[in-house]
Amino acid sequence: MTSLCPLAYSARRSNAEVIVLGQSRPLWLLVIAVAVMGERVGWRRPLAAAIGFLGVVVIW
């Protein structure tokens, strides 16, 4: 969502918050893939997405 309208988000939030919201996209895509498309997701993919997101949050 932040990739669709970054100016709207950056007007109300700091740049760091906009980046963290943008980097949470893989986590939401996993949730949507399981809920909507019924995709089977193993334990490695959510773990990799969570580690990547934590890396962005630590840098934030």
PDB file of N, CA and C in Angstrom:
ATOM      1  N   MET A   1       0.821  -1.184   0.000  1.00  0.00           N
ATOM      2  CA  MET A   1       0.000   0.000   0.000  1.00  0.00           C
ATOM      3  C   MET A   1       0.864   1.245   0.000  1.00  0.00           C
ATOM      4  N   THR A   2       1.977   1.204   0.685  1.00  0.00           N
ATOM      5  CA  THR A   2       2.843   2.372   0.702  1.00  0.00           C
ATOM      6  C   THR A   2       3.488   2.608  -0.649  1.00  0.00           C
ATOM      7  N   SER A   3       3.581   1.571  -1.480  1.00  0.00           N
ATOM      8  CA  SER A   3       4.144   1.780  -2.809  1.00  0.00           C
ATOM      9  C   SER A   3       3.136   2.464  -3.731  1.00  0.00           C
ATOM     10  N   LEU A   4       1.857   2.390  -3.398  1.00  0.00           N
ATOM     11  CA  LEU A   4       0.838   3.022  -4.234  1.00  0.00           C
ATOM     12  C   LEU A   4       0.749   4.517  -4.010  1.00  0.00           C
ATOM     13  N   CYS A   5       0.900   4.958  -2.782  1.00  0.00           N
ATOM     14  CA  CYS A   5       0.776   6.384  -2.502  1.00  0.00           C
ATOM     15  C   CYS A   5       1.782   6.816  -1.433  1.00  0.00           C
ATOM     16  N   PRO A   6       3.063   6.817  -1.775  1.00  0.00           N
ATOM     17  CA  PRO A   6       4.072   7.159  -0.772  1.00  0.00           C
ATOM     18  C   PRO A   6       3.992   8.605  -0.318  1.00  0.00           C
ATOM     19  N   LEU A   7       3.545   9.501  -1.170  1.00  0.00           N
ATOM     20  CA  LEU A   7       3.473  10.898  -0.763  1.00  0.00           C
ATOM     21  C   LEU A   7       2.404  11.121   0.295  1.00  0.00           C
ATOM     22  N   ALA A   8       1.314  10.401   0.212  1.00  0.00           N
ATOM     23  CA  ALA A   8       0.266  10.540   1.216  1.00  0.00           C
ATOM     24  C   ALA A   8       0.736  10.057   2.577  1.00  0.00           C
ATOM     25  N   TYR A   9       1.506   8.973   2.588  1.00  0.00           N
ATOM     26  CA  TYR A   9       2.025   8.462   3.854  1.00  0.00           C
ATOM     27  C   TYR A   9       3.137   9.338   4.403  1.00  0.00           C
ATOM     28  N   SER A  10       4.013   9.822   3.507  1.00  0.00           N
ATOM     29  CA  SER A  10       5.144  10.602   3.986  1.00  0.00           C
ATOM     30  C   SER A  10       4.710  11.975   4.481  1.00  0.00           C
ATOM     31  N   ALA A  11       3.546  12.436   4.080  1.00  0.00           N
ATOM     32  CA  ALA A  11       3.062  13.726   4.572  1.00  0.00           C
ATOM     33  C   ALA A  11       2.674  13.632   6.042  1.00  0.00           C
ATOM     34  N   ARG A  12       2.245  12.456   6.478  1.00  0.00           N
ATOM     35  CA  ARG A  12       1.783  12.299   7.856  1.00  0.00           C
ATOM     36  C   ARG A  12       2.771  11.574   8.751  1.00  0.00           C
ATOM     37  N   ARG A  13       3.740  10.892   8.188  1.00  0.00           N
ATOM     38  CA  ARG A  13       4.665  10.070   8.970  1.00  0.00           C
ATOM     39  C   ARG A  13       6.108  10.411   8.615  1.00  0.00           C
ATOM     40  N   SER A  14       7.016   9.977   9.475  1.00  0.00           N
ATOM     41  CA  SER A  14       8.430  10.182   9.178  1.00  0.00           C
ATOM     42  C   SER A  14       8.870   9.210   8.088  1.00  0.00           C
ATOM     43  N   ASN A  15      10.003   9.503   7.478  1.00  0.00           N
ATOM     44  CA  ASN A  15      10.509   8.636   6.410  1.00  0.00           C
ATOM     45  C   ASN A  15      10.788   7.230   6.915  1.00  0.00           C
ATOM     46  N   ALA A  16      11.282   7.116   8.137  1.00  0.00           N
ATOM     47  CA  ALA A  16      11.586   5.792   8.685  1.00  0.00           C
ATOM     48  C   ALA A  16      10.319   4.951   8.828  1.00  0.00           C
ATOM     49  N   GLU A  17       9.237   5.558   9.260  1.00  0.00           N
ATOM     50  CA  GLU A  17       7.984   4.810   9.402  1.00  0.00           C
ATOM     51  C   GLU A  17       7.447   4.380   8.046  1.00  0.00           C
ATOM     52  N   VAL A  18       7.583   5.223   7.039  1.00  0.00           N
ATOM     53  CA  VAL A  18       7.131   4.863   5.691  1.00  0.00           C
ATOM     54  C   VAL A  18       7.937   3.684   5.159  1.00  0.00           C
ATOM     55  N   ILE A  19       9.249   3.674   5.415  1.00  0.00           N
ATOM     56  CA  ILE A  19      10.096   2.576   4.950  1.00  0.00           C
ATOM     57  C   ILE A  19       9.732   1.281   5.658  1.00  0.00           C
ATOM     58  N   VAL A  20       9.502   1.349   6.969  1.00  0.00           N
ATOM     59  CA  VAL A  20       9.135   0.138   7.712  1.00  0.00           C
ATOM     60  C   VAL A  20       7.793  -0.400   7.227  1.00  0.00           C
ATOM     61  N   LEU A  21       6.838   0.479   6.974  1.00  0.00           N
ATOM     62  CA  LEU A  21       5.548   0.022   6.454  1.00  0.00           C
ATOM     63  C   LEU A  21       5.709  -0.606   5.075  1.00  0.00           C
ATOM     64  N   GLY A  22       6.554  -0.034   4.252  1.00  0.00           N
ATOM     65  CA  GLY A  22       6.802  -0.601   2.924  1.00  0.00           C
ATOM     66  C   GLY A  22       7.480  -1.954   2.987  1.00  0.00           C
ATOM     67  N   GLN A  23       8.367  -2.133   3.950  1.00  0.00           N
ATOM     68  CA  GLN A  23       9.079  -3.390   4.072  1.00  0.00           C
ATOM     69  C   GLN A  23       8.238  -4.483   4.725  1.00  0.00           C
ATOM     70  N   SER A  24       7.084  -4.147   5.248  1.00  0.00           N
ATOM     71  CA  SER A  24       6.207  -5.169   5.817  1.00  0.00           C
ATOM     72  C   SER A  24       5.368  -5.856   4.742  1.00  0.00           C
ATOM     73  N   ARG A  25       5.512  -5.444   3.506  1.00  0.00           N
ATOM     74  CA  ARG A  25       4.732  -6.018   2.408  1.00  0.00           C
ATOM     75  C   ARG A  25       4.884  -7.526   2.272  1.00  0.00           C
ATOM     76  N   PRO A  26       6.090  -8.110   2.376  1.00  0.00           N
ATOM     77  CA  PRO A  26       6.195  -9.577   2.257  1.00  0.00           C
ATOM     78  C   PRO A  26       5.390 -10.326   3.318  1.00  0.00           C
ATOM     79  N   LEU A  27       5.312  -9.765   4.519  1.00  0.00           N
ATOM     80  CA  LEU A  27       4.514 -10.423   5.560  1.00  0.00           C
ATOM     81  C   LEU A  27       3.032 -10.422   5.193  1.00  0.00           C
ATOM     82  N   TRP A  28       2.544  -9.306   4.682  1.00  0.00           N
ATOM     83  CA  TRP A  28       1.133  -9.235   4.294  1.00  0.00           C
ATOM     84  C   TRP A  28       0.848 -10.099   3.083  1.00  0.00           C
ATOM     85  N   LEU A  29       1.790 -10.192   2.161  1.00  0.00           N
ATOM     86  CA  LEU A  29       1.586 -11.052   1.000  1.00  0.00           C
ATOM     87  C   LEU A  29       1.494 -12.521   1.399  1.00  0.00           C
ATOM     88  N   LEU A  30       2.255 -12.923   2.406  1.00  0.00           N
ATOM     89  CA  LEU A  30       2.143 -14.294   2.904  1.00  0.00           C
ATOM     90  C   LEU A  30       0.760 -14.559   3.489  1.00  0.00           C
ATOM     91  N   VAL A  31       0.274 -13.616   4.266  1.00  0.00           N
ATOM     92  CA  VAL A  31      -1.058 -13.775   4.871  1.00  0.00           C
ATOM     93  C   VAL A  31      -2.128 -13.848   3.787  1.00  0.00           C
ATOM     94  N   ILE A  32      -2.035 -12.980   2.797  1.00  0.00           N
ATOM     95  CA  ILE A  32      -3.028 -12.977   1.713  1.00  0.00           C
ATOM     96  C   ILE A  32      -2.926 -14.253   0.880  1.00  0.00           C
ATOM     97  N   ALA A  33      -1.704 -14.720   0.624  1.00  0.00           N
ATOM     98  CA  ALA A  33      -1.530 -15.941  -0.170  1.00  0.00           C
ATOM     99  C   ALA A  33      -2.179 -17.139   0.510  1.00  0.00           C
ATOM    100  N   VAL A  34      -2.045 -17.211   1.824  1.00  0.00           N
ATOM    101  CA  VAL A  34      -2.646 -18.332   2.550  1.00  0.00           C
ATOM    102  C   VAL A  34      -4.159 -18.166   2.652  1.00  0.00           C
ATOM    103  N   ALA A  35      -4.613 -16.979   3.009  1.00  0.00           N
ATOM    104  CA  ALA A  35      -6.040 -16.761   3.256  1.00  0.00           C
ATOM    105  C   ALA A  35      -6.869 -16.760   1.981  1.00  0.00           C
ATOM    106  N   VAL A  36      -6.403 -16.098   0.951  1.00  0.00           N
ATOM    107  CA  VAL A  36      -7.221 -15.922  -0.251  1.00  0.00           C
ATOM    108  C   VAL A  36      -6.974 -17.021  -1.277  1.00  0.00           C
ATOM    109  N   MET A  37      -5.704 -17.306  -1.522  1.00  0.00           N
ATOM    110  CA  MET A  37      -5.377 -18.246  -2.591  1.00  0.00           C
ATOM    111  C   MET A  37      -5.214 -19.671  -2.107  1.00  0.00           C
ATOM    112  N   GLY A  38      -5.191 -19.872  -0.801  1.00  0.00           N
ATOM    113  CA  GLY A  38      -5.064 -21.209  -0.262  1.00  0.00           C
ATOM    114  C   GLY A  38      -3.696 -21.842  -0.483  1.00  0.00           C
ATOM    115  N   GLU A  39      -2.685 -21.009  -0.633  1.00  0.00           N
ATOM    116  CA  GLU A  39      -1.342 -21.524  -0.885  1.00  0.00           C
ATOM    117  C   GLU A  39      -0.769 -22.161   0.372  1.00  0.00           C
ATOM    118  N   ARG A  40      -0.048 -23.244   0.176  1.00  0.00           N
ATOM    119  CA  ARG A  40       0.618 -23.900   1.301  1.00  0.00           C
ATOM    120  C   ARG A  40       1.976 -23.246   1.497  1.00  0.00           C
ATOM    121  N   VAL A  41       2.207 -22.746   2.695  1.00  0.00           N
ATOM    122  CA  VAL A  41       3.453 -22.052   3.001  1.00  0.00           C
ATOM    123  C   VAL A  41       4.167 -22.837   4.084  1.00  0.00           C
ATOM    124  N   GLY A  42       5.417 -23.176   3.829  1.00  0.00           N
ATOM    125  CA  GLY A  42       6.216 -23.898   4.809  1.00  0.00           C
ATOM    126  C   GLY A  42       6.710 -22.971   5.907  1.00  0.00           C
ATOM    127  N   TRP A  43       7.548 -23.481   6.757  1.00  0.00           N
ATOM    128  CA  TRP A  43       8.026 -22.683   7.884  1.00  0.00           C
ATOM    129  C   TRP A  43       9.174 -21.761   7.487  1.00  0.00           C
ATOM    130  N   ARG A  44       9.841 -22.020   6.387  1.00  0.00           N
ATOM    131  CA  ARG A  44      11.005 -21.219   5.996  1.00  0.00           C
ATOM    132  C   ARG A  44      10.620 -19.850   5.452  1.00  0.00           C
ATOM    133  N   ARG A  45       9.571 -19.788   4.677  1.00  0.00           N
ATOM    134  CA  ARG A  45       9.188 -18.523   4.053  1.00  0.00           C
ATOM    135  C   ARG A  45       8.745 -17.482   5.078  1.00  0.00           C
ATOM    136  N   PRO A  46       7.852 -17.811   6.028  1.00  0.00           N
ATOM    137  CA  PRO A  46       7.502 -16.809   7.047  1.00  0.00           C
ATOM    138  C   PRO A  46       8.689 -16.433   7.929  1.00  0.00           C
ATOM    139  N   LEU A  47       9.546 -17.405   8.201  1.00  0.00           N
ATOM    140  CA  LEU A  47      10.725 -17.114   9.012  1.00  0.00           C
ATOM    141  C   LEU A  47      11.647 -16.141   8.280  1.00  0.00           C
ATOM    142  N   ALA A  48      11.872 -16.351   7.002  1.00  0.00           N
ATOM    143  CA  ALA A  48      12.722 -15.448   6.227  1.00  0.00           C
ATOM    144  C   ALA A  48      12.115 -14.050   6.142  1.00  0.00           C
ATOM    145  N   ALA A  49      10.800 -13.964   5.941  1.00  0.00           N
ATOM    146  CA  ALA A  49      10.146 -12.652   5.880  1.00  0.00           C
ATOM    147  C   ALA A  49      10.220 -11.948   7.224  1.00  0.00           C
ATOM    148  N   ALA A  50      10.043 -12.674   8.313  1.00  0.00           N
ATOM    149  CA  ALA A  50      10.105 -12.057   9.642  1.00  0.00           C
ATOM    150  C   ALA A  50      11.520 -11.589   9.975  1.00  0.00           C
ATOM    151  N   ILE A  51      12.523 -12.370   9.604  1.00  0.00           N
ATOM    152  CA  ILE A  51      13.910 -11.961   9.863  1.00  0.00           C
ATOM    153  C   ILE A  51      14.248 -10.717   9.044  1.00  0.00           C
ATOM    154  N   GLY A  52      13.826 -10.674   7.807  1.00  0.00           N
ATOM    155  CA  GLY A  52      14.056  -9.489   6.985  1.00  0.00           C
ATOM    156  C   GLY A  52      13.367  -8.262   7.539  1.00  0.00           C
ATOM    157  N   PHE A  53      12.136  -8.436   8.017  1.00  0.00           N
ATOM    158  CA  PHE A  53      11.405  -7.312   8.601  1.00  0.00           C
ATOM    159  C   PHE A  53      12.080  -6.850   9.884  1.00  0.00           C
ATOM    160  N   LEU A  54      12.534  -7.772  10.702  1.00  0.00           N
ATOM    161  CA  LEU A  54      13.247  -7.386  11.927  1.00  0.00           C
ATOM    162  C   LEU A  54      14.534  -6.639  11.614  1.00  0.00           C
ATOM    163  N   GLY A  55      15.194  -7.015  10.543  1.00  0.00           N
ATOM    164  CA  GLY A  55      16.389  -6.293  10.134  1.00  0.00           C
ATOM    165  C   GLY A  55      16.089  -4.853   9.779  1.00  0.00           C
ATOM    166  N   VAL A  56      14.971  -4.612   9.105  1.00  0.00           N
ATOM    167  CA  VAL A  56      14.577  -3.256   8.769  1.00  0.00           C
ATOM    168  C   VAL A  56      14.205  -2.474  10.013  1.00  0.00           C
ATOM    169  N   VAL A  57      13.505  -3.122  10.947  1.00  0.00           N
ATOM    170  CA  VAL A  57      13.098  -2.446  12.175  1.00  0.00           C
ATOM    171  C   VAL A  57      14.319  -2.088  13.031  1.00  0.00           C
ATOM    172  N   VAL A  58      15.319  -2.964  13.067  1.00  0.00           N
ATOM    173  CA  VAL A  58      16.534  -2.684  13.831  1.00  0.00           C
ATOM    174  C   VAL A  58      17.260  -1.479  13.234  1.00  0.00           C
ATOM    175  N   ILE A  59      17.315  -1.396  11.914  1.00  0.00           N
ATOM    176  CA  ILE A  59      17.953  -0.256  11.269  1.00  0.00           C
ATOM    177  C   ILE A  59      17.162   1.016  11.519  1.00  0.00           C
ATOM    178  N   TRP A  60      15.865   0.899  11.624  1.00  0.00           N
ATOM    179  CA  TRP A  60      14.987   2.043  11.850  1.00  0.00           C
ATOM    180  C   TRP A  60      15.344   2.687  13.134  1.00  0.00           C
TER     181      TRP A  60
END
